[in-house]
Amino acid sequence: MTGHLQVVVCGAGPATDVLQLTQIAGTRGWTVAITATPNAQDFIDSAAVEAATGSPVRSSYRPSSGARRTLPPADALVIAPATYNSINKIALGLADNYAMTSIAELIGRKVPTVIVPFVNAALAARAPFLRAVAALRDEGIHILLGPQDGWEPHPPGSGSERQKAFPWAAAFGTAVELVQGAGSTMSGRP
């Protein structure tokens, strides 16, 4: 199966390694486009991502020129690494930047979505985060978090050590499973 993967990268350490996800998807015949939150721009090498994907990294709205979009509709959405702040915003439906607006729209279109949090255990224990995860799961979004997914919050102060183990392959594999589960009715397609 091939398709188009939309990736939203948030400002956390693993964002520097997002090319791993583009390579994994590319080997399976998927095209990839990357959108970065404002804070993620400092983590990623936009030129390298553009060279790998053939598309510029989107991080802001562009003026309407009347031209149609150049990317295919998303078959799946992966939000990774997803920060504490971004997960809470997504659950609340906040769209205060281009990345959050894109996420809100793709979720609203029922595009199969996978979120991979990169949060420490202290933040993950907070009631707002727990409510956000529950609300997103209730909405049908797959969050790779917990023993069943093999991905847990890391102890405070250990993020740089945990970054190397970030589950890029699991995120893509889960997205593909969700798309296959959606069958031939690709809700993200116009």
N, C-alpha and C. Protein backbone atom coordinates (compact mmCIF):
# COMPACT_ATOMS: atom_id res chain seq x y z
N MET A 1 0.83 -1.17 0.00
CA MET A 1 0.00 0.00 0.00
C MET A 1 0.87 1.24 0.00
N THR A 2 0.50 2.21 -0.80
CA THR A 2 1.20 3.50 -0.83
C THR A 2 0.20 4.59 -0.49
N GLY A 3 0.72 5.76 -0.19
CA GLY A 3 -0.15 6.87 0.14
C GLY A 3 0.65 8.11 0.41
N HIS A 4 -0.04 9.11 0.92
CA HIS A 4 0.62 10.37 1.27
C HIS A 4 0.50 10.58 2.78
N LEU A 5 1.64 10.79 3.42
CA LEU A 5 1.72 10.98 4.85
C LEU A 5 1.99 12.44 5.16
N GLN A 6 1.11 13.04 5.93
CA GLN A 6 1.34 14.39 6.44
C GLN A 6 1.93 14.24 7.83
N VAL A 7 3.03 14.92 8.09
CA VAL A 7 3.70 14.85 9.38
C VAL A 7 3.73 16.25 9.97
N VAL A 8 3.32 16.36 11.22
CA VAL A 8 3.47 17.62 11.95
C VAL A 8 4.49 17.38 13.05
N VAL A 9 5.53 18.20 13.03
CA VAL A 9 6.64 18.08 13.96
C VAL A 9 6.53 19.20 14.98
N CYS A 10 6.62 18.86 16.25
CA CYS A 10 6.57 19.84 17.33
C CYS A 10 7.99 20.04 17.88
N GLY A 11 8.18 21.09 18.65
CA GLY A 11 9.50 21.47 19.15
C GLY A 11 9.99 20.63 20.31
N ALA A 12 10.53 19.48 20.01
CA ALA A 12 11.13 18.59 21.00
C ALA A 12 12.32 17.89 20.35
N GLY A 13 13.21 17.38 21.17
CA GLY A 13 14.45 16.78 20.70
C GLY A 13 14.35 15.84 19.51
N PRO A 14 13.41 14.86 19.52
CA PRO A 14 13.35 13.93 18.40
C PRO A 14 13.05 14.58 17.04
N ALA A 15 12.57 15.82 17.05
CA ALA A 15 12.28 16.50 15.78
C ALA A 15 13.52 16.55 14.89
N THR A 16 14.71 16.58 15.50
CA THR A 16 15.94 16.62 14.71
C THR A 16 16.11 15.36 13.86
N ASP A 17 15.40 14.31 14.22
CA ASP A 17 15.54 13.03 13.54
C ASP A 17 14.35 12.69 12.64
N VAL A 18 13.53 13.68 12.28
CA VAL A 18 12.32 13.40 11.49
C VAL A 18 12.63 12.77 10.14
N LEU A 19 13.84 12.94 9.64
CA LEU A 19 14.20 12.29 8.37
C LEU A 19 14.11 10.77 8.47
N GLN A 20 14.23 10.23 9.68
CA GLN A 20 14.04 8.78 9.84
C GLN A 20 12.65 8.37 9.39
N LEU A 21 11.66 9.17 9.75
CA LEU A 21 10.28 8.87 9.36
C LEU A 21 10.10 9.01 7.85
N THR A 22 10.69 10.03 7.26
CA THR A 22 10.55 10.19 5.81
C THR A 22 11.20 9.03 5.07
N GLN A 23 12.32 8.53 5.59
CA GLN A 23 12.99 7.40 4.96
C GLN A 23 12.17 6.12 5.09
N ILE A 24 11.62 5.90 6.26
CA ILE A 24 10.79 4.70 6.49
C ILE A 24 9.60 4.73 5.54
N ALA A 25 8.91 5.85 5.48
CA ALA A 25 7.74 5.97 4.60
C ALA A 25 8.14 5.84 3.14
N GLY A 26 9.24 6.46 2.77
CA GLY A 26 9.70 6.41 1.39
C GLY A 26 10.02 5.00 0.92
N THR A 27 10.58 4.18 1.80
CA THR A 27 10.89 2.81 1.41
C THR A 27 9.63 1.99 1.17
N ARG A 28 8.51 2.46 1.70
CA ARG A 28 7.23 1.79 1.48
C ARG A 28 6.43 2.43 0.35
N GLY A 29 7.04 3.41 -0.34
CA GLY A 29 6.38 4.04 -1.48
C GLY A 29 5.47 5.20 -1.13
N TRP A 30 5.53 5.67 0.09
CA TRP A 30 4.69 6.79 0.51
C TRP A 30 5.41 8.11 0.25
N THR A 31 4.65 9.12 -0.12
CA THR A 31 5.18 10.48 -0.17
C THR A 31 4.94 11.11 1.19
N VAL A 32 5.76 12.10 1.52
CA VAL A 32 5.69 12.72 2.84
C VAL A 32 5.80 14.23 2.70
N ALA A 33 5.02 14.94 3.48
CA ALA A 33 5.16 16.39 3.61
C ALA A 33 5.24 16.71 5.09
N ILE A 34 6.10 17.67 5.42
CA ILE A 34 6.35 18.03 6.81
C ILE A 34 5.82 19.43 7.08
N THR A 35 5.10 19.55 8.18
CA THR A 35 4.69 20.84 8.71
C THR A 35 5.34 20.96 10.08
N ALA A 36 5.86 22.15 10.38
CA ALA A 36 6.53 22.37 11.66
C ALA A 36 5.78 23.42 12.47
N THR A 37 5.63 23.15 13.76
CA THR A 37 5.12 24.19 14.65
C THR A 37 6.19 25.29 14.71
N PRO A 38 5.81 26.48 15.17
CA PRO A 38 6.83 27.54 15.26
C PRO A 38 8.06 27.13 16.05
N ASN A 39 7.89 26.42 17.17
CA ASN A 39 9.04 26.01 17.98
C ASN A 39 9.85 24.89 17.33
N ALA A 40 9.24 24.11 16.47
CA ALA A 40 9.96 23.00 15.83
C ALA A 40 10.95 23.47 14.78
N GLN A 41 10.75 24.65 14.27
CA GLN A 41 11.64 25.15 13.22
C GLN A 41 13.10 25.18 13.65
N ASP A 42 13.34 25.40 14.94
CA ASP A 42 14.71 25.43 15.44
C ASP A 42 15.33 24.04 15.57
N PHE A 43 14.51 23.01 15.48
CA PHE A 43 15.00 21.65 15.67
C PHE A 43 15.30 20.94 14.36
N ILE A 44 14.65 21.33 13.28
CA ILE A 44 14.78 20.57 12.04
C ILE A 44 15.66 21.29 11.02
N ASP A 45 16.24 20.52 10.15
CA ASP A 45 17.02 21.04 9.04
C ASP A 45 16.08 21.11 7.84
N SER A 46 15.47 22.26 7.64
CA SER A 46 14.45 22.41 6.59
C SER A 46 14.97 22.07 5.21
N ALA A 47 16.21 22.45 4.92
CA ALA A 47 16.77 22.16 3.60
C ALA A 47 16.91 20.65 3.39
N ALA A 48 17.36 19.94 4.39
CA ALA A 48 17.50 18.48 4.28
C ALA A 48 16.13 17.82 4.15
N VAL A 49 15.15 18.30 4.90
CA VAL A 49 13.80 17.74 4.80
C VAL A 49 13.23 17.99 3.41
N GLU A 50 13.41 19.19 2.90
CA GLU A 50 12.91 19.50 1.55
C GLU A 50 13.59 18.64 0.50
N ALA A 51 14.89 18.42 0.64
CA ALA A 51 15.60 17.57 -0.31
C ALA A 51 15.07 16.13 -0.25
N ALA A 52 14.75 15.66 0.93
CA ALA A 52 14.27 14.28 1.09
C ALA A 52 12.83 14.10 0.63
N THR A 53 12.00 15.11 0.84
CA THR A 53 10.57 14.97 0.54
C THR A 53 10.16 15.59 -0.80
N GLY A 54 10.96 16.52 -1.28
CA GLY A 54 10.59 17.23 -2.50
C GLY A 54 9.59 18.34 -2.26
N SER A 55 9.28 18.59 -1.00
CA SER A 55 8.33 19.65 -0.64
C SER A 55 8.94 20.52 0.45
N PRO A 56 8.67 21.82 0.40
CA PRO A 56 9.17 22.67 1.47
C PRO A 56 8.48 22.38 2.79
N VAL A 57 9.16 22.64 3.88
CA VAL A 57 8.56 22.51 5.21
C VAL A 57 7.59 23.68 5.36
N ARG A 58 6.35 23.36 5.68
CA ARG A 58 5.35 24.41 5.90
C ARG A 58 5.33 24.75 7.38
N SER A 59 5.30 26.04 7.67
CA SER A 59 5.22 26.46 9.07
C SER A 59 4.36 27.70 9.25
N SER A 60 3.89 28.25 8.14
CA SER A 60 3.03 29.42 8.25
C SER A 60 2.06 29.44 7.09
N TYR A 61 1.04 30.25 7.26
CA TYR A 61 0.05 30.40 6.19
C TYR A 61 0.72 31.11 5.03
N ARG A 62 0.28 30.81 3.85
CA ARG A 62 0.81 31.55 2.70
C ARG A 62 -0.36 32.29 2.06
N PRO A 63 -0.05 33.42 1.45
CA PRO A 63 -1.14 34.17 0.82
C PRO A 63 -1.78 33.35 -0.30
N SER A 64 -3.06 33.52 -0.44
CA SER A 64 -3.77 32.80 -1.49
C SER A 64 -3.44 33.41 -2.84
N SER A 65 -2.87 32.62 -3.70
CA SER A 65 -2.54 33.08 -5.04
C SER A 65 -3.55 32.57 -6.05
N GLY A 66 -4.53 31.87 -5.57
CA GLY A 66 -5.50 31.28 -6.48
C GLY A 66 -5.05 29.93 -7.01
N ALA A 67 -3.78 29.59 -6.74
CA ALA A 67 -3.26 28.30 -7.21
C ALA A 67 -3.78 27.18 -6.33
N ARG A 68 -3.97 26.03 -6.92
CA ARG A 68 -4.42 24.87 -6.17
C ARG A 68 -3.25 24.27 -5.40
N ARG A 69 -3.59 23.50 -4.40
CA ARG A 69 -2.55 22.84 -3.60
C ARG A 69 -1.72 21.93 -4.49
N THR A 70 -0.46 21.80 -4.13
CA THR A 70 0.44 20.97 -4.92
C THR A 70 0.64 19.59 -4.31
N LEU A 71 0.24 19.42 -3.06
CA LEU A 71 0.41 18.13 -2.40
C LEU A 71 -0.87 17.31 -2.55
N PRO A 72 -0.72 15.99 -2.61
CA PRO A 72 -1.92 15.15 -2.63
C PRO A 72 -2.62 15.22 -1.28
N PRO A 73 -3.89 14.87 -1.24
CA PRO A 73 -4.58 14.83 0.06
C PRO A 73 -3.91 13.80 0.97
N ALA A 74 -3.93 14.08 2.25
CA ALA A 74 -3.30 13.19 3.23
C ALA A 74 -4.11 11.91 3.41
N ASP A 75 -3.42 10.79 3.35
CA ASP A 75 -4.02 9.49 3.68
C ASP A 75 -3.88 9.20 5.16
N ALA A 76 -2.85 9.79 5.78
CA ALA A 76 -2.61 9.61 7.21
C ALA A 76 -1.87 10.82 7.74
N LEU A 77 -2.03 11.04 9.03
CA LEU A 77 -1.36 12.14 9.73
C LEU A 77 -0.60 11.56 10.90
N VAL A 78 0.67 11.94 11.01
CA VAL A 78 1.48 11.58 12.17
C VAL A 78 1.94 12.88 12.81
N ILE A 79 1.68 13.02 14.10
CA ILE A 79 2.13 14.18 14.86
C ILE A 79 3.21 13.66 15.80
N ALA A 80 4.46 14.00 15.47
CA ALA A 80 5.58 13.43 16.23
C ALA A 80 6.83 14.28 16.03
N PRO A 81 7.57 14.52 17.05
CA PRO A 81 7.21 14.32 18.43
C PRO A 81 6.14 15.33 18.84
N ALA A 82 5.21 14.91 19.63
CA ALA A 82 4.15 15.80 20.11
C ALA A 82 4.47 16.22 21.54
N THR A 83 4.49 17.50 21.75
CA THR A 83 4.83 18.03 23.07
C THR A 83 3.59 18.08 23.98
N TYR A 84 3.85 18.27 25.24
CA TYR A 84 2.79 18.46 26.24
C TYR A 84 1.86 19.58 25.79
N ASN A 85 2.44 20.70 25.41
CA ASN A 85 1.66 21.86 24.99
C ASN A 85 0.82 21.55 23.76
N SER A 86 1.41 20.94 22.76
CA SER A 86 0.68 20.65 21.52
C SER A 86 -0.45 19.65 21.74
N ILE A 87 -0.21 18.63 22.54
CA ILE A 87 -1.27 17.64 22.80
C ILE A 87 -2.46 18.31 23.49
N ASN A 88 -2.18 19.17 24.44
CA ASN A 88 -3.27 19.87 25.11
C ASN A 88 -4.02 20.79 24.13
N LYS A 89 -3.29 21.48 23.26
CA LYS A 89 -3.92 22.35 22.26
C LYS A 89 -4.79 21.54 21.30
N ILE A 90 -4.27 20.42 20.83
CA ILE A 90 -5.02 19.59 19.87
C ILE A 90 -6.32 19.12 20.51
N ALA A 91 -6.25 18.68 21.74
CA ALA A 91 -7.46 18.18 22.42
C ALA A 91 -8.50 19.28 22.59
N LEU A 92 -8.04 20.50 22.80
CA LEU A 92 -8.96 21.63 22.98
C LEU A 92 -9.43 22.22 21.65
N GLY A 93 -8.82 21.78 20.55
CA GLY A 93 -9.19 22.30 19.25
C GLY A 93 -8.61 23.67 18.96
N LEU A 94 -7.55 24.04 19.67
CA LEU A 94 -6.94 25.34 19.45
C LEU A 94 -6.17 25.33 18.13
N ALA A 95 -6.33 26.40 17.38
CA ALA A 95 -5.68 26.51 16.08
C ALA A 95 -4.99 27.87 16.00
N ASP A 96 -3.98 28.04 16.83
CA ASP A 96 -3.32 29.34 16.93
C ASP A 96 -2.09 29.48 16.04
N ASN A 97 -1.83 28.49 15.21
CA ASN A 97 -0.75 28.59 14.22
C ASN A 97 -1.08 27.64 13.07
N TYR A 98 -0.31 27.71 12.02
CA TYR A 98 -0.60 26.91 10.82
C TYR A 98 -0.63 25.41 11.13
N ALA A 99 0.33 24.93 11.91
CA ALA A 99 0.39 23.50 12.21
C ALA A 99 -0.86 23.04 12.96
N MET A 100 -1.27 23.80 13.96
CA MET A 100 -2.45 23.41 14.74
C MET A 100 -3.73 23.49 13.90
N THR A 101 -3.80 24.46 13.01
CA THR A 101 -4.96 24.54 12.11
C THR A 101 -5.00 23.35 11.18
N SER A 102 -3.84 22.97 10.65
CA SER A 102 -3.76 21.79 9.76
C SER A 102 -4.21 20.54 10.50
N ILE A 103 -3.73 20.37 11.72
CA ILE A 103 -4.10 19.21 12.52
C ILE A 103 -5.61 19.19 12.74
N ALA A 104 -6.16 20.32 13.16
CA ALA A 104 -7.60 20.39 13.44
C ALA A 104 -8.42 20.02 12.21
N GLU A 105 -8.00 20.51 11.05
CA GLU A 105 -8.74 20.21 9.84
C GLU A 105 -8.61 18.74 9.44
N LEU A 106 -7.42 18.20 9.50
CA LEU A 106 -7.23 16.80 9.10
C LEU A 106 -7.98 15.85 10.04
N ILE A 107 -7.97 16.16 11.33
CA ILE A 107 -8.75 15.33 12.26
C ILE A 107 -10.23 15.47 11.95
N GLY A 108 -10.67 16.69 11.66
CA GLY A 108 -12.07 16.91 11.29
C GLY A 108 -12.48 16.18 10.03
N ARG A 109 -11.53 15.98 9.14
CA ARG A 109 -11.79 15.23 7.90
C ARG A 109 -11.72 13.72 8.12
N LYS A 110 -11.43 13.32 9.34
CA LYS A 110 -11.33 11.90 9.72
C LYS A 110 -10.14 11.21 9.08
N VAL A 111 -9.07 11.96 8.84
CA VAL A 111 -7.83 11.35 8.33
C VAL A 111 -7.24 10.53 9.47
N PRO A 112 -6.91 9.26 9.24
CA PRO A 112 -6.30 8.44 10.30
C PRO A 112 -5.09 9.15 10.90
N THR A 113 -5.10 9.29 12.23
CA THR A 113 -4.11 10.12 12.93
C THR A 113 -3.42 9.34 14.03
N VAL A 114 -2.10 9.52 14.08
CA VAL A 114 -1.26 8.93 15.12
C VAL A 114 -0.50 10.06 15.79
N ILE A 115 -0.54 10.08 17.11
CA ILE A 115 0.22 11.05 17.88
C ILE A 115 1.25 10.29 18.71
N VAL A 116 2.50 10.76 18.67
CA VAL A 116 3.56 10.15 19.48
C VAL A 116 4.09 11.23 20.43
N PRO A 117 3.65 11.17 21.69
CA PRO A 117 4.11 12.17 22.66
C PRO A 117 5.59 12.02 22.99
N PHE A 118 6.21 13.15 23.25
CA PHE A 118 7.56 13.16 23.82
C PHE A 118 7.48 14.08 25.03
N VAL A 119 7.10 13.47 26.15
CA VAL A 119 6.89 14.22 27.40
C VAL A 119 7.56 13.49 28.55
N ASN A 120 7.91 14.25 29.56
CA ASN A 120 8.48 13.59 30.73
C ASN A 120 7.35 13.13 31.64
N ALA A 121 7.69 12.27 32.57
CA ALA A 121 6.69 11.64 33.44
C ALA A 121 5.97 12.64 34.33
N ALA A 122 6.64 13.72 34.71
CA ALA A 122 5.99 14.73 35.54
C ALA A 122 4.88 15.43 34.76
N LEU A 123 5.15 15.78 33.51
CA LEU A 123 4.13 16.42 32.69
C LEU A 123 3.01 15.43 32.35
N ALA A 124 3.38 14.20 32.06
CA ALA A 124 2.39 13.18 31.70
C ALA A 124 1.46 12.85 32.85
N ALA A 125 1.86 13.12 34.07
CA ALA A 125 1.03 12.83 35.23
C ALA A 125 0.02 13.93 35.52
N ARG A 126 0.16 15.06 34.85
CA ARG A 126 -0.74 16.19 35.09
C ARG A 126 -2.14 15.90 34.57
N ALA A 127 -3.15 16.36 35.32
CA ALA A 127 -4.54 16.14 34.94
C ALA A 127 -4.88 16.71 33.56
N PRO A 128 -4.38 17.89 33.18
CA PRO A 128 -4.72 18.39 31.83
C PRO A 128 -4.23 17.45 30.72
N PHE A 129 -3.05 16.89 30.89
CA PHE A 129 -2.51 15.98 29.89
C PHE A 129 -3.33 14.69 29.84
N LEU A 130 -3.65 14.14 31.00
CA LEU A 130 -4.44 12.91 31.06
C LEU A 130 -5.81 13.11 30.41
N ARG A 131 -6.43 14.26 30.66
CA ARG A 131 -7.73 14.56 30.03
C ARG A 131 -7.58 14.71 28.53
N ALA A 132 -6.50 15.36 28.09
CA ALA A 132 -6.27 15.56 26.65
C ALA A 132 -6.10 14.21 25.94
N VAL A 133 -5.29 13.34 26.51
CA VAL A 133 -5.08 12.02 25.91
C VAL A 133 -6.40 11.25 25.83
N ALA A 134 -7.16 11.28 26.90
CA ALA A 134 -8.45 10.57 26.92
C ALA A 134 -9.40 11.16 25.88
N ALA A 135 -9.46 12.47 25.79
CA ALA A 135 -10.36 13.11 24.82
C ALA A 135 -9.96 12.78 23.39
N LEU A 136 -8.68 12.79 23.11
CA LEU A 136 -8.22 12.48 21.75
C LEU A 136 -8.48 11.02 21.41
N ARG A 137 -8.26 10.14 22.35
CA ARG A 137 -8.55 8.72 22.11
C ARG A 137 -10.05 8.52 21.89
N ASP A 138 -10.87 9.23 22.65
CA ASP A 138 -12.33 9.15 22.45
C ASP A 138 -12.73 9.62 21.06
N GLU A 139 -11.93 10.51 20.50
CA GLU A 139 -12.21 11.02 19.15
C GLU A 139 -11.68 10.08 18.06
N GLY A 140 -11.06 8.98 18.47
CA GLY A 140 -10.58 7.99 17.50
C GLY A 140 -9.14 8.18 17.07
N ILE A 141 -8.41 9.01 17.77
CA ILE A 141 -7.01 9.25 17.44
C ILE A 141 -6.15 8.25 18.19
N HIS A 142 -5.20 7.66 17.49
CA HIS A 142 -4.32 6.68 18.12
C HIS A 142 -3.12 7.41 18.72
N ILE A 143 -2.94 7.26 20.00
CA ILE A 143 -1.80 7.87 20.69
C ILE A 143 -0.88 6.76 21.14
N LEU A 144 0.35 6.78 20.61
CA LEU A 144 1.34 5.78 21.01
C LEU A 144 1.84 6.18 22.39
N LEU A 145 1.25 5.59 23.39
CA LEU A 145 1.60 5.94 24.76
C LEU A 145 1.12 4.84 25.69
N GLY A 146 2.05 4.30 26.43
CA GLY A 146 1.69 3.27 27.40
C GLY A 146 2.36 1.95 27.09
N PRO A 147 2.27 1.01 28.02
CA PRO A 147 2.95 -0.28 27.85
C PRO A 147 2.48 -1.03 26.61
N GLN A 148 1.20 -0.89 26.24
CA GLN A 148 0.68 -1.58 25.07
C GLN A 148 1.36 -1.09 23.78
N ASP A 149 1.89 0.12 23.79
CA ASP A 149 2.56 0.68 22.62
C ASP A 149 4.08 0.67 22.75
N GLY A 150 4.57 0.26 23.91
CA GLY A 150 6.02 0.22 24.11
C GLY A 150 6.65 1.60 24.16
N TRP A 151 5.88 2.61 24.50
CA TRP A 151 6.42 3.97 24.56
C TRP A 151 5.86 4.67 25.79
N GLU A 152 6.73 5.02 26.69
CA GLU A 152 6.34 5.62 27.97
C GLU A 152 6.99 7.00 28.12
N PRO A 153 6.41 7.85 28.94
CA PRO A 153 7.07 9.11 29.26
C PRO A 153 8.41 8.82 29.94
N HIS A 154 9.35 9.72 29.73
CA HIS A 154 10.69 9.54 30.30
C HIS A 154 10.83 10.33 31.60
N PRO A 155 11.76 9.93 32.46
CA PRO A 155 11.98 10.68 33.69
C PRO A 155 12.42 12.12 33.36
N PRO A 156 11.99 13.09 34.16
CA PRO A 156 12.43 14.46 33.91
C PRO A 156 13.95 14.55 33.81
N GLY A 157 14.41 15.32 32.84
CA GLY A 157 15.85 15.51 32.66
C GLY A 157 16.54 14.45 31.82
N SER A 158 15.78 13.46 31.32
CA SER A 158 16.42 12.38 30.55
C SER A 158 16.00 12.37 29.08
N GLY A 159 15.41 13.45 28.63
CA GLY A 159 14.90 13.49 27.26
C GLY A 159 15.95 13.24 26.19
N SER A 160 17.14 13.80 26.36
CA SER A 160 18.15 13.62 25.32
C SER A 160 18.58 12.15 25.21
N GLU A 161 18.55 11.42 26.32
CA GLU A 161 18.88 10.00 26.28
C GLU A 161 17.75 9.21 25.62
N ARG A 162 16.53 9.60 25.88
CA ARG A 162 15.34 8.89 25.37
C ARG A 162 15.11 9.17 23.88
N GLN A 163 15.63 10.28 23.40
CA GLN A 163 15.42 10.69 22.02
C GLN A 163 15.84 9.61 21.02
N LYS A 164 16.92 8.93 21.29
CA LYS A 164 17.45 7.92 20.36
C LYS A 164 16.47 6.76 20.14
N ALA A 165 15.61 6.52 21.12
CA ALA A 165 14.67 5.40 21.04
C ALA A 165 13.31 5.82 20.49
N PHE A 166 13.18 7.05 20.02
CA PHE A 166 11.88 7.54 19.57
C PHE A 166 11.30 6.59 18.51
N PRO A 167 10.03 6.20 18.64
CA PRO A 167 9.45 5.14 17.80
C PRO A 167 8.93 5.61 16.43
N TRP A 168 9.83 6.10 15.59
CA TRP A 168 9.42 6.54 14.25
C TRP A 168 8.78 5.41 13.45
N ALA A 169 9.39 4.24 13.48
CA ALA A 169 8.86 3.10 12.70
C ALA A 169 7.48 2.69 13.22
N ALA A 170 7.31 2.67 14.52
CA ALA A 170 6.00 2.32 15.09
C ALA A 170 4.95 3.35 14.70
N ALA A 171 5.33 4.62 14.66
CA ALA A 171 4.37 5.67 14.27
C ALA A 171 3.90 5.43 12.84
N PHE A 172 4.83 5.17 11.93
CA PHE A 172 4.45 4.93 10.54
C PHE A 172 3.64 3.64 10.41
N GLY A 173 4.10 2.59 11.07
CA GLY A 173 3.38 1.31 11.00
C GLY A 173 1.96 1.42 11.51
N THR A 174 1.77 2.17 12.57
CA THR A 174 0.43 2.37 13.12
C THR A 174 -0.43 3.17 12.15
N ALA A 175 0.16 4.19 11.53
CA ALA A 175 -0.59 4.99 10.55
C ALA A 175 -1.05 4.11 9.38
N VAL A 176 -0.17 3.24 8.90
CA VAL A 176 -0.54 2.35 7.79
C VAL A 176 -1.66 1.41 8.22
N GLU A 177 -1.57 0.87 9.43
CA GLU A 177 -2.63 -0.01 9.94
C GLU A 177 -3.97 0.73 10.01
N LEU A 178 -3.94 1.97 10.46
CA LEU A 178 -5.17 2.76 10.55
C LEU A 178 -5.77 3.01 9.17
N VAL A 179 -4.91 3.30 8.20
CA VAL A 179 -5.39 3.53 6.83
C VAL A 179 -5.99 2.24 6.27
N GLN A 180 -5.31 1.13 6.47
CA GLN A 180 -5.83 -0.15 5.99
C GLN A 180 -7.15 -0.48 6.67
N GLY A 181 -7.28 -0.14 7.95
CA GLY A 181 -8.51 -0.38 8.67
C GLY A 181 -9.65 0.49 8.17
N ALA A 182 -9.31 1.65 7.62
CA ALA A 182 -10.33 2.55 7.08
C ALA A 182 -10.85 2.03 5.75
N GLY A 183 -10.15 1.04 5.16
CA GLY A 183 -10.59 0.45 3.90
C GLY A 183 -10.47 1.40 2.74
N SER A 184 -11.32 1.22 1.79
CA SER A 184 -11.24 2.02 0.58
C SER A 184 -11.94 3.36 0.72
N THR A 185 -12.53 3.64 1.85
CA THR A 185 -13.19 4.94 2.05
C THR A 185 -12.24 5.90 2.72
N MET A 186 -11.36 6.48 1.94
CA MET A 186 -10.38 7.42 2.44
C MET A 186 -11.07 8.73 2.74
N SER A 187 -11.40 8.96 4.01
CA SER A 187 -12.14 10.15 4.40
C SER A 187 -11.37 11.43 4.16
N GLY A 188 -10.05 11.36 4.10
CA GLY A 188 -9.25 12.56 3.87
C GLY A 188 -9.29 13.02 2.44
N ARG A 189 -9.80 12.21 1.56
CA ARG A 189 -9.86 12.57 0.15
C ARG A 189 -11.10 13.41 -0.10
N PRO A 190 -10.96 14.45 -0.93
CA PRO A 190 -12.13 15.28 -1.22
C PRO A 190 -13.16 14.52 -2.05
